[in-house]
Amino acid sequence: MVKLRARCILVGDAAVGKSALAQMLRSDGAHFQKMYSMTTVVEVLTKCVNIPDSSDSVELYIFDSPGREIFAEACEKMWGQPSVMCVVFDISSEASFKSCARWLERVRGQCHGLQVPGVLVGNKSDLSSRREVEVAVAQEWAQKQGMEYFETSVKEMENCDAPFVCLAQAFYTRYQDHIKTVQSIVSP
């Protein structure tokens, strides 16, 4: 049984539902908090994600970051070297989607040239009648960035764990690939 630890950076504009998504994941979908204070510092939550078809797991240290620009620079110093990243936008806000490029650039600036697995999350799918970002547009953008795309509704408790299972799986796969590389070097 292998238990890995990964640093997951959670970013996006203010009010897209980052904290709600992180809290929903931590509570295993048991609690939707209706009122949130604006996040002003990086909040760190942990969640152990079991890897499907194995006895292994990845403990995600989720760095829930504030979405206001005024706090961004200070938060970058707290992130450190990310293992995986989650960029969140509100499907009913095209502006929050357009900001994803800026958030992605900030996180990648912390990666020191390393490729870091990531997901793009379109949150608030319960607001589909007010949708401003089409699924195909978000999927295409995510794919161009080398990311997976997920839509969630924290309010409706839909698909909230899928992005994090994907990230844990990607981190675990990288670990397995590194093990194979080391074994191939050590064993003639």
Protein backbone atom coordinates (compact mmCIF):
# COMPACT_ATOMS: atom_id res chain seq x y z
CA MET A 1 0.00 0.00 0.00
CA VAL A 2 1.44 3.35 -1.09
CA LYS A 3 0.27 6.66 0.34
CA LEU A 4 1.51 9.67 -1.58
CA ARG A 5 1.16 13.35 -0.74
CA ALA A 6 0.47 16.02 -3.35
CA ARG A 7 0.19 19.80 -3.18
CA CYS A 8 -2.96 20.88 -5.06
CA ILE A 9 -3.27 24.56 -5.92
CA LEU A 10 -6.93 25.66 -6.21
CA VAL A 11 -7.33 28.98 -8.05
CA GLY A 12 -9.89 31.10 -9.87
CA ASP A 13 -11.70 34.41 -9.56
CA ALA A 14 -13.56 35.42 -6.42
CA ALA A 15 -17.04 33.90 -5.95
CA VAL A 16 -16.65 31.03 -8.46
CA GLY A 17 -17.06 28.47 -5.67
CA LYS A 18 -13.49 27.35 -4.92
CA SER A 19 -13.97 27.23 -1.15
CA ALA A 20 -17.36 25.58 -1.48
CA LEU A 21 -15.85 22.93 -3.78
CA ALA A 22 -12.97 22.29 -1.38
CA GLN A 23 -15.31 22.08 1.62
CA MET A 24 -17.66 19.73 -0.24
CA LEU A 25 -14.75 17.45 -1.08
CA ARG A 26 -13.46 17.47 2.48
CA SER A 27 -16.89 16.63 3.91
CA ASP A 28 -17.46 13.86 1.32
CA GLY A 29 -20.48 15.74 0.01
CA ALA A 30 -22.18 15.80 3.38
CA HIS A 31 -22.24 19.55 3.91
CA PHE A 32 -23.04 22.48 1.66
CA GLN A 33 -22.32 25.71 3.47
CA LYS A 34 -24.65 28.41 2.18
CA MET A 35 -22.76 31.40 3.54
CA TYR A 36 -19.05 32.00 2.96
CA SER A 37 -16.75 34.79 3.96
CA MET A 38 -14.47 35.91 1.18
CA THR A 39 -11.22 33.97 1.34
CA THR A 40 -8.39 36.41 2.09
CA VAL A 41 -5.54 34.00 2.83
CA VAL A 42 -4.57 30.60 1.51
CA GLU A 43 -6.52 27.97 3.41
CA VAL A 44 -5.09 24.46 3.40
CA LEU A 45 -7.42 21.47 3.53
CA THR A 46 -6.49 17.82 3.26
CA LYS A 47 -8.33 15.01 1.57
CA CYS A 48 -7.19 11.44 1.07
CA VAL A 49 -8.22 10.11 -2.35
CA ASN A 50 -8.14 6.36 -2.95
CA ILE A 51 -6.74 5.30 -6.29
CA PRO A 52 -9.25 3.11 -8.14
CA ASP A 53 -8.26 -0.55 -8.62
CA SER A 54 -5.44 -0.36 -6.08
CA SER A 55 -4.86 -0.20 -2.35
CA ASP A 56 -2.91 3.05 -2.83
CA SER A 57 -3.99 6.60 -2.08
CA VAL A 58 -2.95 10.20 -2.57
CA GLU A 59 -3.39 12.68 0.21
CA LEU A 60 -4.14 16.02 -1.41
CA TYR A 61 -3.07 19.16 0.42
CA ILE A 62 -5.49 21.60 -1.19
CA PHE A 63 -4.33 25.22 -1.14
CA ASP A 64 -7.61 27.13 -1.48
CA SER A 65 -6.51 30.54 -2.72
CA PRO A 66 -8.37 33.87 -2.63
CA GLY A 67 -9.67 35.04 -5.98
CA ARG A 68 -9.13 38.76 -5.52
CA GLU A 69 -6.12 40.17 -7.34
CA ILE A 70 -5.05 42.14 -4.28
CA PHE A 71 -4.21 38.87 -2.46
CA ALA A 72 -2.72 36.96 -5.41
CA GLU A 73 0.95 37.89 -5.06
CA ALA A 74 1.09 37.04 -1.36
CA CYS A 75 -0.61 33.72 -2.04
CA GLU A 76 1.91 32.73 -4.68
CA LYS A 77 4.60 32.82 -2.01
CA MET A 78 2.59 30.39 0.10
CA TRP A 79 1.90 27.89 -2.70
CA GLY A 80 5.41 26.55 -3.09
CA GLN A 81 6.00 23.94 -5.80
CA PRO A 82 2.59 22.55 -6.86
CA SER A 83 2.11 18.86 -7.63
CA VAL A 84 -1.27 19.35 -9.32
CA MET A 85 -3.57 22.29 -10.03
CA CYS A 86 -7.28 22.99 -10.22
CA VAL A 87 -8.49 26.13 -12.03
CA VAL A 88 -12.14 26.98 -11.34
CA PHE A 89 -14.58 29.30 -13.10
CA ASP A 90 -18.32 29.97 -12.92
CA ILE A 91 -20.16 28.73 -16.05
CA SER A 92 -22.51 31.71 -15.76
CA SER A 93 -19.63 34.21 -15.89
CA GLU A 94 -17.60 34.56 -19.08
CA ALA A 95 -15.29 36.98 -17.26
CA SER A 96 -14.33 34.29 -14.73
CA PHE A 97 -13.59 31.91 -17.61
CA LYS A 98 -11.40 34.46 -19.38
CA SER A 99 -9.45 34.93 -16.14
CA CYS A 100 -8.47 31.26 -16.14
CA ALA A 101 -5.53 31.99 -18.47
CA ARG A 102 -4.13 34.47 -15.96
CA TRP A 103 -4.59 32.03 -13.06
CA LEU A 104 -2.98 29.23 -15.03
CA GLU A 105 -0.01 31.47 -15.84
CA ARG A 106 0.40 32.33 -12.14
CA VAL A 107 0.43 28.67 -11.09
CA ARG A 108 2.73 27.62 -13.91
CA GLY A 109 5.09 30.38 -12.81
CA GLN A 110 5.56 28.39 -9.61
CA CYS A 111 6.31 25.14 -11.48
CA HIS A 112 9.86 26.06 -12.56
CA GLY A 113 9.35 24.62 -16.04
CA LEU A 114 7.91 21.29 -14.87
CA GLN A 115 4.68 20.00 -16.39
CA VAL A 116 2.08 19.81 -13.64
CA PRO A 117 -1.18 17.91 -14.15
CA GLY A 118 -4.24 20.10 -13.99
CA VAL A 119 -7.99 20.26 -14.35
CA LEU A 120 -10.32 23.04 -15.40
CA VAL A 121 -13.57 23.07 -13.45
CA GLY A 122 -16.72 24.84 -14.62
CA ASN A 123 -18.65 25.25 -11.39
CA LYS A 124 -22.30 26.15 -10.79
CA SER A 125 -23.72 23.85 -13.45
CA ASP A 126 -27.03 24.26 -11.60
CA LEU A 127 -27.14 27.73 -13.24
CA SER A 128 -27.26 26.27 -16.75
CA SER A 129 -30.12 28.59 -17.73
CA ARG A 130 -27.69 31.51 -17.22
CA ARG A 131 -24.75 29.77 -18.90
CA GLU A 132 -22.26 32.13 -20.57
CA VAL A 133 -19.53 29.54 -21.24
CA GLU A 134 -20.42 26.62 -23.49
CA VAL A 135 -19.10 23.17 -22.61
CA ALA A 136 -17.33 22.79 -25.97
CA VAL A 137 -15.49 26.12 -25.53
CA ALA A 138 -14.28 25.18 -22.04
CA GLN A 139 -13.30 21.66 -23.17
CA GLU A 140 -11.33 23.03 -26.11
CA TRP A 141 -9.49 25.56 -23.95
CA ALA A 142 -8.68 22.93 -21.32
CA GLN A 143 -7.42 20.52 -23.96
CA LYS A 144 -5.14 23.19 -25.47
CA GLN A 145 -3.68 23.70 -22.00
CA GLY A 146 -3.16 19.96 -21.45
CA MET A 147 -5.90 19.81 -18.83
CA GLU A 148 -9.01 17.75 -18.24
CA TYR A 149 -12.37 19.52 -18.04
CA PHE A 150 -15.13 18.89 -15.49
CA GLU A 151 -18.41 20.60 -14.67
CA THR A 152 -19.65 20.61 -11.11
CA SER A 153 -22.46 21.95 -8.99
CA VAL A 154 -21.47 22.25 -5.38
CA LYS A 155 -24.99 23.41 -4.52
CA GLU A 156 -26.49 20.27 -6.06
CA MET A 157 -23.55 18.12 -4.89
CA GLU A 158 -22.87 16.95 -8.44
CA ASN A 159 -19.51 15.71 -9.69
CA CYS A 160 -17.56 17.51 -6.92
CA ASP A 161 -15.04 14.74 -6.31
CA ALA A 162 -14.34 13.85 -9.96
CA PRO A 163 -11.77 16.62 -10.62
CA PHE A 164 -9.79 15.67 -7.51
CA VAL A 165 -9.92 11.94 -8.27
CA CYS A 166 -8.55 12.80 -11.72
CA LEU A 167 -5.74 14.88 -10.18
CA ALA A 168 -4.87 12.17 -7.66
CA GLN A 169 -4.83 9.57 -10.44
CA ALA A 170 -2.58 11.76 -12.61
CA PHE A 171 -0.17 12.31 -9.71
CA TYR A 172 -0.16 8.58 -8.94
CA THR A 173 0.50 7.72 -12.60
CA ARG A 174 3.48 10.10 -12.61
CA TYR A 175 4.78 8.39 -9.48
CA GLN A 176 4.42 4.97 -11.13
CA ASP A 177 6.23 6.25 -14.24
CA HIS A 178 9.12 7.54 -12.10
CA ILE A 179 9.37 4.18 -10.32
CA LYS A 180 9.57 2.38 -13.68
CA THR A 181 12.25 4.80 -14.90
CA VAL A 182 14.36 4.25 -11.77
CA GLN A 183 13.91 0.48 -12.04
CA SER A 184 14.99 0.51 -15.67
CA ILE A 185 18.15 2.41 -14.73
CA VAL A 186 18.99 0.21 -11.74
CA SER A 187 18.15 -3.14 -13.36
CA PRO A 188 20.18 -3.98 -16.46
